[in-house]
Amino acid sequence: MLFEKPGTLPALLSGAALPLGLLPRCPGVRVLAGSHVEFSAPNGRISTHADGDTLPALPRGVVSAQAPISLIVG
């Protein structure tokens, strides 16, 4: 999922929609499928987290798995 609208209001809306299963219907939220996802930034700085723990520097990648992997990017 890509969160295309920054700010407090979109974050609150997304947070309320998540437990109801309505997150894909929120404005500014885009669901994409892929077998390999690579994260990078022009300035080389992106904060990445896994289970609440900060991960080290980029690039960071996710490859195909036997089951879907949930990613929240925003």
PDB file of N, CA and C in Angstrom:
ATOM      1  N   MET A   1       0.840  -1.167   0.000  1.00  0.00           N
ATOM      2  CA  MET A   1       0.000   0.000   0.000  1.00  0.00           C
ATOM      3  C   MET A   1       0.881   1.223   0.000  1.00  0.00           C
ATOM      4  N   LEU A   2       0.517   2.165  -0.823  1.00  0.00           N
ATOM      5  CA  LEU A   2       1.207   3.444  -0.864  1.00  0.00           C
ATOM      6  C   LEU A   2       0.273   4.500  -0.291  1.00  0.00           C
ATOM      7  N   PHE A   3       0.780   5.242   0.658  1.00  0.00           N
ATOM      8  CA  PHE A   3       0.030   6.350   1.231  1.00  0.00           C
ATOM      9  C   PHE A   3       0.536   7.613   0.548  1.00  0.00           C
ATOM     10  N   GLU A   4      -0.286   8.160  -0.331  1.00  0.00           N
ATOM     11  CA  GLU A   4       0.138   9.262  -1.188  1.00  0.00           C
ATOM     12  C   GLU A   4      -0.141  10.631  -0.588  1.00  0.00           C
ATOM     13  N   LYS A   5      -0.917  10.705   0.478  1.00  0.00           N
ATOM     14  CA  LYS A   5      -1.254  11.993   1.088  1.00  0.00           C
ATOM     15  C   LYS A   5      -0.660  12.050   2.494  1.00  0.00           C
ATOM     16  N   PRO A   6       0.322  12.931   2.717  1.00  0.00           N
ATOM     17  CA  PRO A   6       0.891  13.063   4.052  1.00  0.00           C
ATOM     18  C   PRO A   6      -0.025  13.886   4.962  1.00  0.00           C
ATOM     19  N   GLY A   7       0.208  13.811   6.237  1.00  0.00           N
ATOM     20  CA  GLY A   7      -0.518  14.666   7.174  1.00  0.00           C
ATOM     21  C   GLY A   7      -1.307  13.889   8.199  1.00  0.00           C
ATOM     22  N   THR A   8      -1.778  14.629   9.182  1.00  0.00           N
ATOM     23  CA  THR A   8      -2.498  14.034  10.307  1.00  0.00           C
ATOM     24  C   THR A   8      -3.861  13.482   9.903  1.00  0.00           C
ATOM     25  N   LEU A   9      -4.642  14.242   9.157  1.00  0.00           N
ATOM     26  CA  LEU A   9      -5.982  13.795   8.788  1.00  0.00           C
ATOM     27  C   LEU A   9      -5.966  12.514   7.955  1.00  0.00           C
ATOM     28  N   PRO A  10      -5.150  12.422   6.892  1.00  0.00           N
ATOM     29  CA  PRO A  10      -5.085  11.156   6.158  1.00  0.00           C
ATOM     30  C   PRO A  10      -4.610   9.982   7.027  1.00  0.00           C
ATOM     31  N   ALA A  11      -3.689  10.246   7.957  1.00  0.00           N
ATOM     32  CA  ALA A  11      -3.212   9.182   8.848  1.00  0.00           C
ATOM     33  C   ALA A  11      -4.329   8.711   9.772  1.00  0.00           C
ATOM     34  N   LEU A  12      -5.115   9.629  10.312  1.00  0.00           N
ATOM     35  CA  LEU A  12      -6.235   9.247  11.181  1.00  0.00           C
ATOM     36  C   LEU A  12      -7.297   8.475  10.410  1.00  0.00           C
ATOM     37  N   LEU A  13      -7.596   8.922   9.195  1.00  0.00           N
ATOM     38  CA  LEU A  13      -8.571   8.228   8.356  1.00  0.00           C
ATOM     39  C   LEU A  13      -8.102   6.809   8.042  1.00  0.00           C
ATOM     40  N   SER A  14      -6.834   6.676   7.679  1.00  0.00           N
ATOM     41  CA  SER A  14      -6.276   5.349   7.375  1.00  0.00           C
ATOM     42  C   SER A  14      -6.286   4.460   8.606  1.00  0.00           C
ATOM     43  N   GLY A  15      -5.940   5.031   9.756  1.00  0.00           N
ATOM     44  CA  GLY A  15      -5.936   4.263  11.000  1.00  0.00           C
ATOM     45  C   GLY A  15      -7.321   3.770  11.387  1.00  0.00           C
ATOM     46  N   ALA A  16      -8.338   4.581  11.134  1.00  0.00           N
ATOM     47  CA  ALA A  16      -9.709   4.171  11.434  1.00  0.00           C
ATOM     48  C   ALA A  16     -10.207   3.132  10.437  1.00  0.00           C
ATOM     49  N   ALA A  17      -9.762   3.220   9.196  1.00  0.00           N
ATOM     50  CA  ALA A  17     -10.218   2.303   8.146  1.00  0.00           C
ATOM     51  C   ALA A  17      -9.555   0.933   8.251  1.00  0.00           C
ATOM     52  N   LEU A  18      -8.350   0.870   8.803  1.00  0.00           N
ATOM     53  CA  LEU A  18      -7.583  -0.381   8.845  1.00  0.00           C
ATOM     54  C   LEU A  18      -8.325  -1.529   9.531  1.00  0.00           C
ATOM     55  N   PRO A  19      -8.807  -1.382  10.779  1.00  0.00           N
ATOM     56  CA  PRO A  19      -9.479  -2.525  11.411  1.00  0.00           C
ATOM     57  C   PRO A  19     -10.813  -2.892  10.779  1.00  0.00           C
ATOM     58  N   LEU A  20     -11.374  -1.987   9.986  1.00  0.00           N
ATOM     59  CA  LEU A  20     -12.649  -2.255   9.321  1.00  0.00           C
ATOM     60  C   LEU A  20     -12.460  -2.888   7.947  1.00  0.00           C
ATOM     61  N   GLY A  21     -11.197  -3.040   7.525  1.00  0.00           N
ATOM     62  CA  GLY A  21     -10.920  -3.615   6.207  1.00  0.00           C
ATOM     63  C   GLY A  21     -11.201  -2.660   5.065  1.00  0.00           C
ATOM     64  N   LEU A  22     -11.266  -1.380   5.358  1.00  0.00           N
ATOM     65  CA  LEU A  22     -11.613  -0.388   4.346  1.00  0.00           C
ATOM     66  C   LEU A  22     -10.421   0.420   3.859  1.00  0.00           C
ATOM     67  N   LEU A  23      -9.222   0.094   4.293  1.00  0.00           N
ATOM     68  CA  LEU A  23      -8.046   0.874   3.938  1.00  0.00           C
ATOM     69  C   LEU A  23      -7.847   1.014   2.429  1.00  0.00           C
ATOM     70  N   PRO A  24      -8.034  -0.043   1.626  1.00  0.00           N
ATOM     71  CA  PRO A  24      -7.859   0.128   0.168  1.00  0.00           C
ATOM     72  C   PRO A  24      -8.826   1.116  -0.463  1.00  0.00           C
ATOM     73  N   ARG A  25      -9.928   1.437   0.217  1.00  0.00           N
ATOM     74  CA  ARG A  25     -10.919   2.368  -0.330  1.00  0.00           C
ATOM     75  C   ARG A  25     -10.652   3.822   0.053  1.00  0.00           C
ATOM     76  N   CYS A  26      -9.688   4.053   0.928  1.00  0.00           N
ATOM     77  CA  CYS A  26      -9.391   5.419   1.382  1.00  0.00           C
ATOM     78  C   CYS A  26      -8.790   6.239   0.251  1.00  0.00           C
ATOM     79  N   PRO A  27      -9.153   7.529   0.171  1.00  0.00           N
ATOM     80  CA  PRO A  27      -8.532   8.379  -0.833  1.00  0.00           C
ATOM     81  C   PRO A  27      -7.044   8.541  -0.543  1.00  0.00           C
ATOM     82  N   GLY A  28      -6.247   8.465  -1.575  1.00  0.00           N
ATOM     83  CA  GLY A  28      -4.806   8.617  -1.412  1.00  0.00           C
ATOM     84  C   GLY A  28      -4.092   7.349  -1.013  1.00  0.00           C
ATOM     85  N   VAL A  29      -4.800   6.222  -0.962  1.00  0.00           N
ATOM     86  CA  VAL A  29      -4.187   4.927  -0.653  1.00  0.00           C
ATOM     87  C   VAL A  29      -4.241   4.087  -1.914  1.00  0.00           C
ATOM     88  N   ARG A  30      -3.108   3.564  -2.310  1.00  0.00           N
ATOM     89  CA  ARG A  30      -3.025   2.749  -3.526  1.00  0.00           C
ATOM     90  C   ARG A  30      -2.448   1.386  -3.164  1.00  0.00           C
ATOM     91  N   VAL A  31      -3.111   0.323  -3.629  1.00  0.00           N
ATOM     92  CA  VAL A  31      -2.652  -1.046  -3.384  1.00  0.00           C
ATOM     93  C   VAL A  31      -1.951  -1.537  -4.651  1.00  0.00           C
ATOM     94  N   LEU A  32      -0.721  -2.001  -4.500  1.00  0.00           N
ATOM     95  CA  LEU A  32       0.059  -2.511  -5.616  1.00  0.00           C
ATOM     96  C   LEU A  32       0.534  -3.923  -5.291  1.00  0.00           C
ATOM     97  N   ALA A  33       0.613  -4.764  -6.306  1.00  0.00           N
ATOM     98  CA  ALA A  33       1.125  -6.122  -6.122  1.00  0.00           C
ATOM     99  C   ALA A  33       2.442  -6.253  -6.868  1.00  0.00           C
ATOM    100  N   GLY A  34       3.335  -7.057  -6.341  1.00  0.00           N
ATOM    101  CA  GLY A  34       4.616  -7.275  -7.002  1.00  0.00           C
ATOM    102  C   GLY A  34       5.352  -8.436  -6.358  1.00  0.00           C
ATOM    103  N   SER A  35       6.313  -9.000  -7.065  1.00  0.00           N
ATOM    104  CA  SER A  35       7.092 -10.110  -6.510  1.00  0.00           C
ATOM    105  C   SER A  35       8.417  -9.632  -5.930  1.00  0.00           C
ATOM    106  N   HIS A  36       8.801  -8.385  -6.232  1.00  0.00           N
ATOM    107  CA  HIS A  36      10.033  -7.814  -5.684  1.00  0.00           C
ATOM    108  C   HIS A  36       9.827  -6.312  -5.523  1.00  0.00           C
ATOM    109  N   VAL A  37      10.068  -5.814  -4.333  1.00  0.00           N
ATOM    110  CA  VAL A  37       9.915  -4.393  -4.047  1.00  0.00           C
ATOM    111  C   VAL A  37      11.247  -3.876  -3.538  1.00  0.00           C
ATOM    112  N   GLU A  38      11.715  -2.791  -4.125  1.00  0.00           N
ATOM    113  CA  GLU A  38      12.982  -2.170  -3.726  1.00  0.00           C
ATOM    114  C   GLU A  38      12.698  -0.738  -3.289  1.00  0.00           C
ATOM    115  N   PHE A  39      13.189  -0.349  -2.115  1.00  0.00           N
ATOM    116  CA  PHE A  39      13.002   0.992  -1.590  1.00  0.00           C
ATOM    117  C   PHE A  39      14.287   1.778  -1.765  1.00  0.00           C
ATOM    118  N   SER A  40      14.174   2.968  -2.318  1.00  0.00           N
ATOM    119  CA  SER A  40      15.326   3.851  -2.442  1.00  0.00           C
ATOM    120  C   SER A  40      14.820   5.289  -2.463  1.00  0.00           C
ATOM    121  N   ALA A  41      15.749   6.225  -2.284  1.00  0.00           N
ATOM    122  CA  ALA A  41      15.391   7.638  -2.302  1.00  0.00           C
ATOM    123  C   ALA A  41      16.523   8.422  -2.936  1.00  0.00           C
ATOM    124  N   PRO A  42      16.195   9.544  -3.597  1.00  0.00           N
ATOM    125  CA  PRO A  42      17.233  10.339  -4.241  1.00  0.00           C
ATOM    126  C   PRO A  42      18.319  10.800  -3.267  1.00  0.00           C
ATOM    127  N   ASN A  43      17.928  11.140  -2.037  1.00  0.00           N
ATOM    128  CA  ASN A  43      18.917  11.603  -1.066  1.00  0.00           C
ATOM    129  C   ASN A  43      19.454  10.462  -0.194  1.00  0.00           C
ATOM    130  N   GLY A  44      18.986   9.225  -0.443  1.00  0.00           N
ATOM    131  CA  GLY A  44      19.479   8.061   0.292  1.00  0.00           C
ATOM    132  C   GLY A  44      18.957   7.932   1.701  1.00  0.00           C
ATOM    133  N   ARG A  45      17.923   8.707   2.068  1.00  0.00           N
ATOM    134  CA  ARG A  45      17.417   8.656   3.435  1.00  0.00           C
ATOM    135  C   ARG A  45      15.937   8.311   3.451  1.00  0.00           C
ATOM    136  N   ILE A  46      15.628   7.135   3.945  1.00  0.00           N
ATOM    137  CA  ILE A  46      14.244   6.714   4.171  1.00  0.00           C
ATOM    138  C   ILE A  46      14.234   5.978   5.499  1.00  0.00           C
ATOM    139  N   SER A  47      13.259   6.284   6.325  1.00  0.00           N
ATOM    140  CA  SER A  47      13.110   5.571   7.596  1.00  0.00           C
ATOM    141  C   SER A  47      12.334   4.288   7.322  1.00  0.00           C
ATOM    142  N   THR A  48      12.924   3.135   7.610  1.00  0.00           N
ATOM    143  CA  THR A  48      12.234   1.858   7.432  1.00  0.00           C
ATOM    144  C   THR A  48      12.141   1.162   8.777  1.00  0.00           C
ATOM    145  N   HIS A  49      11.005   0.515   9.002  1.00  0.00           N
ATOM    146  CA  HIS A  49      10.751  -0.159  10.263  1.00  0.00           C
ATOM    147  C   HIS A  49      10.186  -1.546   9.999  1.00  0.00           C
ATOM    148  N   ALA A  50      10.515  -2.486  10.869  1.00  0.00           N
ATOM    149  CA  ALA A  50       9.932  -3.837  10.824  1.00  0.00           C
ATOM    150  C   ALA A  50       9.543  -4.200  12.246  1.00  0.00           C
ATOM    151  N   ASP A  51       8.284  -4.458  12.460  1.00  0.00           N
ATOM    152  CA  ASP A  51       7.767  -4.774  13.790  1.00  0.00           C
ATOM    153  C   ASP A  51       8.138  -3.708  14.809  1.00  0.00           C
ATOM    154  N   GLY A  52       8.156  -2.455  14.383  1.00  0.00           N
ATOM    155  CA  GLY A  52       8.438  -1.357  15.281  1.00  0.00           C
ATOM    156  C   GLY A  52       9.910  -1.055  15.493  1.00  0.00           C
ATOM    157  N   ASP A  53      10.803  -1.864  14.922  1.00  0.00           N
ATOM    158  CA  ASP A  53      12.236  -1.636  15.066  1.00  0.00           C
ATOM    159  C   ASP A  53      12.775  -0.951  13.821  1.00  0.00           C
ATOM    160  N   THR A  54      13.622   0.066  14.018  1.00  0.00           N
ATOM    161  CA  THR A  54      14.239   0.765  12.895  1.00  0.00           C
ATOM    162  C   THR A  54      15.256  -0.144  12.220  1.00  0.00           C
ATOM    163  N   LEU A  55      15.232  -0.152  10.883  1.00  0.00           N
ATOM    164  CA  LEU A  55      16.172  -0.952  10.108  1.00  0.00           C
ATOM    165  C   LEU A  55      17.324  -0.080   9.627  1.00  0.00           C
ATOM    166  N   PRO A  56      18.486  -0.681   9.343  1.00  0.00           N
ATOM    167  CA  PRO A  56      19.627   0.101   8.873  1.00  0.00           C
ATOM    168  C   PRO A  56      19.418   0.679   7.468  1.00  0.00           C
ATOM    169  N   ALA A  57      20.456   1.250   6.923  1.00  0.00           N
ATOM    170  CA  ALA A  57      20.432   2.040   5.686  1.00  0.00           C
ATOM    171  C   ALA A  57      19.855   1.316   4.474  1.00  0.00           C
ATOM    172  N   LEU A  58      19.582   2.130   3.447  1.00  0.00           N
ATOM    173  CA  LEU A  58      19.076   1.638   2.161  1.00  0.00           C
ATOM    174  C   LEU A  58      20.215   1.129   1.300  1.00  0.00           C
ATOM    175  N   PRO A  59      19.981   0.454   0.193  1.00  0.00           N
ATOM    176  CA  PRO A  59      18.639   0.063  -0.271  1.00  0.00           C
ATOM    177  C   PRO A  59      18.088  -1.087   0.555  1.00  0.00           C
ATOM    178  N   ARG A  60      16.801  -1.162   0.581  1.00  0.00           N
ATOM    179  CA  ARG A  60      16.081  -2.192   1.312  1.00  0.00           C
ATOM    180  C   ARG A  60      15.176  -2.872   0.300  1.00  0.00           C
ATOM    181  N   GLY A  61      15.100  -4.196   0.335  1.00  0.00           N
ATOM    182  CA  GLY A  61      14.273  -4.916  -0.631  1.00  0.00           C
ATOM    183  C   GLY A  61      13.450  -5.999   0.024  1.00  0.00           C
ATOM    184  N   VAL A  62      12.376  -6.369  -0.646  1.00  0.00           N
ATOM    185  CA  VAL A  62      11.511  -7.464  -0.228  1.00  0.00           C
ATOM    186  C   VAL A  62      11.290  -8.324  -1.458  1.00  0.00           C
ATOM    187  N   VAL A  63      11.471  -9.625  -1.327  1.00  0.00           N
ATOM    188  CA  VAL A  63      11.302 -10.524  -2.465  1.00  0.00           C
ATOM    189  C   VAL A  63      10.065 -11.383  -2.278  1.00  0.00           C
ATOM    190  N   SER A  64       9.704 -12.095  -3.320  1.00  0.00           N
ATOM    191  CA  SER A  64       8.519 -12.940  -3.313  1.00  0.00           C
ATOM    192  C   SER A  64       8.566 -13.964  -2.189  1.00  0.00           C
ATOM    193  N   ALA A  65       7.420 -14.206  -1.586  1.00  0.00           N
ATOM    194  CA  ALA A  65       7.302 -15.171  -0.493  1.00  0.00           C
ATOM    195  C   ALA A  65       6.148 -16.122  -0.792  1.00  0.00           C
ATOM    196  N   GLN A  66       6.025 -17.150   0.012  1.00  0.00           N
ATOM    197  CA  GLN A  66       4.947 -18.124  -0.190  1.00  0.00           C
ATOM    198  C   GLN A  66       3.586 -17.529   0.102  1.00  0.00           C
ATOM    199  N   ALA A  67       3.536 -16.518   0.951  1.00  0.00           N
ATOM    200  CA  ALA A  67       2.276 -15.862   1.295  1.00  0.00           C
ATOM    201  C   ALA A  67       2.464 -14.355   1.108  1.00  0.00           C
ATOM    202  N   PRO A  68       1.382 -13.602   0.983  1.00  0.00           N
ATOM    203  CA  PRO A  68       1.512 -12.164   0.824  1.00  0.00           C
ATOM    204  C   PRO A  68       2.261 -11.532   1.994  1.00  0.00           C
ATOM    205  N   ILE A  69       3.049 -10.507   1.680  1.00  0.00           N
ATOM    206  CA  ILE A  69       3.767  -9.737   2.686  1.00  0.00           C
ATOM    207  C   ILE A  69       3.115  -8.367   2.733  1.00  0.00           C
ATOM    208  N   SER A  70       2.677  -7.947   3.916  1.00  0.00           N
ATOM    209  CA  SER A  70       2.042  -6.639   4.057  1.00  0.00           C
ATOM    210  C   SER A  70       3.117  -5.573   4.227  1.00  0.00           C
ATOM    211  N   LEU A  71       3.064  -4.563   3.386  1.00  0.00           N
ATOM    212  CA  LEU A  71       3.971  -3.418   3.471  1.00  0.00           C
ATOM    213  C   LEU A  71       3.158  -2.163   3.587  1.00  0.00           C
ATOM    214  N   ILE A  72       3.564  -1.301   4.472  1.00  0.00           N
ATOM    215  CA  ILE A  72       2.932   0.015   4.574  1.00  0.00           C
ATOM    216  C   ILE A  72       4.026   1.021   4.277  1.00  0.00           C
ATOM    217  N   VAL A  73       3.813   1.807   3.240  1.00  0.00           N
ATOM    218  CA  VAL A  73       4.820   2.766   2.802  1.00  0.00           C
ATOM    219  C   VAL A  73       4.178   4.138   2.820  1.00  0.00           C
ATOM    220  N   GLY A  74       4.778   5.048   3.495  1.00  0.00           N
ATOM    221  CA  GLY A  74       4.184   6.377   3.528  1.00  0.00           C
ATOM    222  C   GLY A  74       4.992   7.330   4.339  1.00  0.00           C
TER     223      GLY A  74
END
